[in-house]
Amino acid sequence: HLRTVGNKAVVSTQSTGNDKLMRTEWEDCLKQMHGRIRRARSYLHTALKMANVPGNWDHILSQNGMFSYTGLTKAQCEVLIEKHHIYLLKSGRISMCGITETNAKYVAHSIKDAIENA
């Protein structure tokens, strides 16, 4: 059940025999999401290094969570958005959930272009 406390949504459950099963399933989902985001970070980091993108990109691996601060400037972000259709905040914050093994190389080459031409 979902209820609101102040301006926050709070999930509450009723005590049922399925509580342990539901918690186990929830924990498994969290582990899968965590693993997927860690792999996305690894794909992008590897692609950036392989493309010889200027700069040190180790922070991509050391940061945690769904988002990463790229360190790109506003102008570089605008190149990514307008030329390459890679959408991120102009502060350089990008969603790691959009990075896949398939598109990491494209993202890396686009970042290289943005750095070199912004």
C-alpha atoms as a PDB file:
ATOM      1  CA  HIS A   1       0.000   0.000   0.000  1.00  0.00           C
ATOM      2  CA  LEU A   2       1.140   3.514  -0.743  1.00  0.00           C
ATOM      3  CA  ARG A   3       0.394   6.372   1.597  1.00  0.00           C
ATOM      4  CA  THR A   4       1.639   9.929   1.802  1.00  0.00           C
ATOM      5  CA  VAL A   5       3.453  11.382   4.802  1.00  0.00           C
ATOM      6  CA  GLY A   6       4.118  15.076   4.284  1.00  0.00           C
ATOM      7  CA  ASN A   7       5.365  15.266   0.715  1.00  0.00           C
ATOM      8  CA  LYS A   8       6.874  11.786   0.667  1.00  0.00           C
ATOM      9  CA  ALA A   9       5.334   8.567  -0.554  1.00  0.00           C
ATOM     10  CA  VAL A  10       5.721   5.736   1.914  1.00  0.00           C
ATOM     11  CA  VAL A  11       5.231   2.102   1.046  1.00  0.00           C
ATOM     12  CA  SER A  12       3.638   0.016   3.750  1.00  0.00           C
ATOM     13  CA  THR A  13       2.666  -3.611   3.761  1.00  0.00           C
ATOM     14  CA  GLN A  14       0.109  -5.597   5.602  1.00  0.00           C
ATOM     15  CA  SER A  15       1.417  -8.612   7.417  1.00  0.00           C
ATOM     16  CA  THR A  16       0.841 -11.649   5.231  1.00  0.00           C
ATOM     17  CA  GLY A  17       2.498 -14.958   4.701  1.00  0.00           C
ATOM     18  CA  ASN A  18       4.045 -13.563   1.525  1.00  0.00           C
ATOM     19  CA  ASP A  19       6.128 -10.852   3.243  1.00  0.00           C
ATOM     20  CA  LYS A  20       9.373 -12.861   3.192  1.00  0.00           C
ATOM     21  CA  LEU A  21       8.832 -13.948  -0.394  1.00  0.00           C
ATOM     22  CA  MET A  22       8.070 -10.385  -1.477  1.00  0.00           C
ATOM     23  CA  ARG A  23      11.135  -9.035   0.331  1.00  0.00           C
ATOM     24  CA  THR A  24      13.358 -11.676  -1.255  1.00  0.00           C
ATOM     25  CA  GLU A  25      11.973 -10.825  -4.691  1.00  0.00           C
ATOM     26  CA  TRP A  26      12.481  -7.090  -4.034  1.00  0.00           C
ATOM     27  CA  GLU A  27      16.090  -7.668  -2.902  1.00  0.00           C
ATOM     28  CA  ASP A  28      16.755  -9.757  -6.028  1.00  0.00           C
ATOM     29  CA  CYS A  29      15.399  -6.926  -8.200  1.00  0.00           C
ATOM     30  CA  LEU A  30      17.639  -4.416  -6.423  1.00  0.00           C
ATOM     31  CA  LYS A  31      20.676  -6.641  -6.978  1.00  0.00           C
ATOM     32  CA  GLN A  32      19.837  -6.945 -10.676  1.00  0.00           C
ATOM     33  CA  MET A  33      19.410  -3.171 -11.066  1.00  0.00           C
ATOM     34  CA  HIS A  34      22.644  -2.508  -9.179  1.00  0.00           C
ATOM     35  CA  GLY A  35      24.517  -4.961 -11.385  1.00  0.00           C
ATOM     36  CA  ARG A  36      23.037  -3.465 -14.548  1.00  0.00           C
ATOM     37  CA  ILE A  37      24.107   0.060 -13.564  1.00  0.00           C
ATOM     38  CA  ARG A  38      27.615  -1.124 -12.594  1.00  0.00           C
ATOM     39  CA  ARG A  39      27.929  -2.818 -16.005  1.00  0.00           C
ATOM     40  CA  ALA A  40      26.735   0.369 -17.749  1.00  0.00           C
ATOM     41  CA  ARG A  41      29.458   2.316 -15.929  1.00  0.00           C
ATOM     42  CA  SER A  42      32.029  -0.255 -16.999  1.00  0.00           C
ATOM     43  CA  TYR A  43      30.846  -0.204 -20.648  1.00  0.00           C
ATOM     44  CA  LEU A  44      31.109   3.586 -20.799  1.00  0.00           C
ATOM     45  CA  HIS A  45      34.449   3.735 -18.997  1.00  0.00           C
ATOM     46  CA  THR A  46      35.948   1.131 -21.341  1.00  0.00           C
ATOM     47  CA  ALA A  47      34.547   2.857 -24.421  1.00  0.00           C
ATOM     48  CA  LEU A  48      35.926   6.243 -23.303  1.00  0.00           C
ATOM     49  CA  LYS A  49      39.388   4.757 -22.816  1.00  0.00           C
ATOM     50  CA  MET A  50      39.285   2.856 -26.126  1.00  0.00           C
ATOM     51  CA  ALA A  51      38.263   6.037 -27.974  1.00  0.00           C
ATOM     52  CA  ASN A  52      41.129   7.967 -26.334  1.00  0.00           C
ATOM     53  CA  VAL A  53      38.733  10.574 -25.009  1.00  0.00           C
ATOM     54  CA  PRO A  54      40.774  13.309 -23.308  1.00  0.00           C
ATOM     55  CA  GLY A  55      40.687  13.307 -19.525  1.00  0.00           C
ATOM     56  CA  ASN A  56      40.571  10.855 -16.665  1.00  0.00           C
ATOM     57  CA  TRP A  57      37.273   8.951 -16.599  1.00  0.00           C
ATOM     58  CA  ASP A  58      37.858   6.829 -13.486  1.00  0.00           C
ATOM     59  CA  HIS A  59      35.136   8.768 -11.668  1.00  0.00           C
ATOM     60  CA  ILE A  60      32.594   6.981 -13.878  1.00  0.00           C
ATOM     61  CA  LEU A  61      33.517   3.771 -12.053  1.00  0.00           C
ATOM     62  CA  SER A  62      33.948   5.262  -8.587  1.00  0.00           C
ATOM     63  CA  GLN A  63      30.582   7.030  -8.474  1.00  0.00           C
ATOM     64  CA  ASN A  64      27.470   5.161  -7.383  1.00  0.00           C
ATOM     65  CA  GLY A  65      23.824   5.295  -8.322  1.00  0.00           C
ATOM     66  CA  MET A  66      21.747   5.853 -11.406  1.00  0.00           C
ATOM     67  CA  PHE A  67      23.418   9.126 -12.375  1.00  0.00           C
ATOM     68  CA  SER A  68      26.968  10.199 -13.053  1.00  0.00           C
ATOM     69  CA  TYR A  69      28.567  13.602 -13.130  1.00  0.00           C
ATOM     70  CA  THR A  70      30.653  13.624 -16.297  1.00  0.00           C
ATOM     71  CA  GLY A  71      32.584  16.816 -15.639  1.00  0.00           C
ATOM     72  CA  LEU A  72      31.550  18.151 -19.039  1.00  0.00           C
ATOM     73  CA  THR A  73      30.936  21.861 -19.502  1.00  0.00           C
ATOM     74  CA  LYS A  74      27.591  23.387 -20.428  1.00  0.00           C
ATOM     75  CA  ALA A  75      28.838  23.943 -23.993  1.00  0.00           C
ATOM     76  CA  GLN A  76      29.982  20.321 -24.276  1.00  0.00           C
ATOM     77  CA  CYS A  77      26.606  19.115 -22.988  1.00  0.00           C
ATOM     78  CA  GLU A  78      24.859  21.266 -25.571  1.00  0.00           C
ATOM     79  CA  VAL A  79      26.893  19.571 -28.335  1.00  0.00           C
ATOM     80  CA  LEU A  80      25.838  16.172 -27.002  1.00  0.00           C
ATOM     81  CA  ILE A  81      22.199  17.207 -26.895  1.00  0.00           C
ATOM     82  CA  GLU A  82      21.948  19.139 -30.164  1.00  0.00           C
ATOM     83  CA  LYS A  83      24.332  17.215 -32.414  1.00  0.00           C
ATOM     84  CA  HIS A  84      24.331  13.686 -31.030  1.00  0.00           C
ATOM     85  CA  HIS A  85      20.894  13.492 -29.359  1.00  0.00           C
ATOM     86  CA  ILE A  86      22.394  12.343 -26.092  1.00  0.00           C
ATOM     87  CA  TYR A  87      20.263  13.935 -23.408  1.00  0.00           C
ATOM     88  CA  LEU A  88      21.765  14.971 -20.107  1.00  0.00           C
ATOM     89  CA  LEU A  89      21.572  17.939 -17.793  1.00  0.00           C
ATOM     90  CA  LYS A  90      23.694  20.901 -18.804  1.00  0.00           C
ATOM     91  CA  SER A  91      25.500  20.441 -15.485  1.00  0.00           C
ATOM     92  CA  GLY A  92      26.965  17.259 -17.003  1.00  0.00           C
ATOM     93  CA  ARG A  93      24.790  14.859 -15.003  1.00  0.00           C
ATOM     94  CA  ILE A  94      23.805  11.850 -17.121  1.00  0.00           C
ATOM     95  CA  SER A  95      21.589   8.851 -16.437  1.00  0.00           C
ATOM     96  CA  MET A  96      23.620   5.662 -16.452  1.00  0.00           C
ATOM     97  CA  CYS A  97      20.442   3.667 -17.088  1.00  0.00           C
ATOM     98  CA  GLY A  98      20.522   4.822 -20.707  1.00  0.00           C
ATOM     99  CA  ILE A  99      24.003   3.415 -21.313  1.00  0.00           C
ATOM    100  CA  THR A 100      24.141  -0.078 -22.789  1.00  0.00           C
ATOM    101  CA  GLU A 101      26.829  -2.335 -24.161  1.00  0.00           C
ATOM    102  CA  THR A 102      25.445  -1.520 -27.606  1.00  0.00           C
ATOM    103  CA  ASN A 103      25.484   2.287 -27.371  1.00  0.00           C
ATOM    104  CA  ALA A 104      28.486   2.937 -25.070  1.00  0.00           C
ATOM    105  CA  LYS A 105      30.876   3.316 -28.019  1.00  0.00           C
ATOM    106  CA  TYR A 106      28.572   5.882 -29.676  1.00  0.00           C
ATOM    107  CA  VAL A 107      28.277   7.810 -26.408  1.00  0.00           C
ATOM    108  CA  ALA A 108      32.047   7.780 -25.924  1.00  0.00           C
ATOM    109  CA  HIS A 109      32.758   9.029 -29.461  1.00  0.00           C
ATOM    110  CA  SER A 110      30.092  11.702 -29.024  1.00  0.00           C
ATOM    111  CA  ILE A 111      31.692  12.844 -25.772  1.00  0.00           C
ATOM    112  CA  LYS A 112      35.050  12.990 -27.550  1.00  0.00           C
ATOM    113  CA  ASP A 113      33.535  15.134 -30.286  1.00  0.00           C
ATOM    114  CA  ALA A 114      31.917  17.435 -27.724  1.00  0.00           C
ATOM    115  CA  ILE A 115      35.196  17.877 -25.841  1.00  0.00           C
ATOM    116  CA  GLU A 116      37.173  18.558 -29.012  1.00  0.00           C
ATOM    117  CA  ASN A 117      34.639  20.833 -30.711  1.00  0.00           C
ATOM    118  CA  ALA A 118      32.663  22.712 -28.053  1.00  0.00           C
END
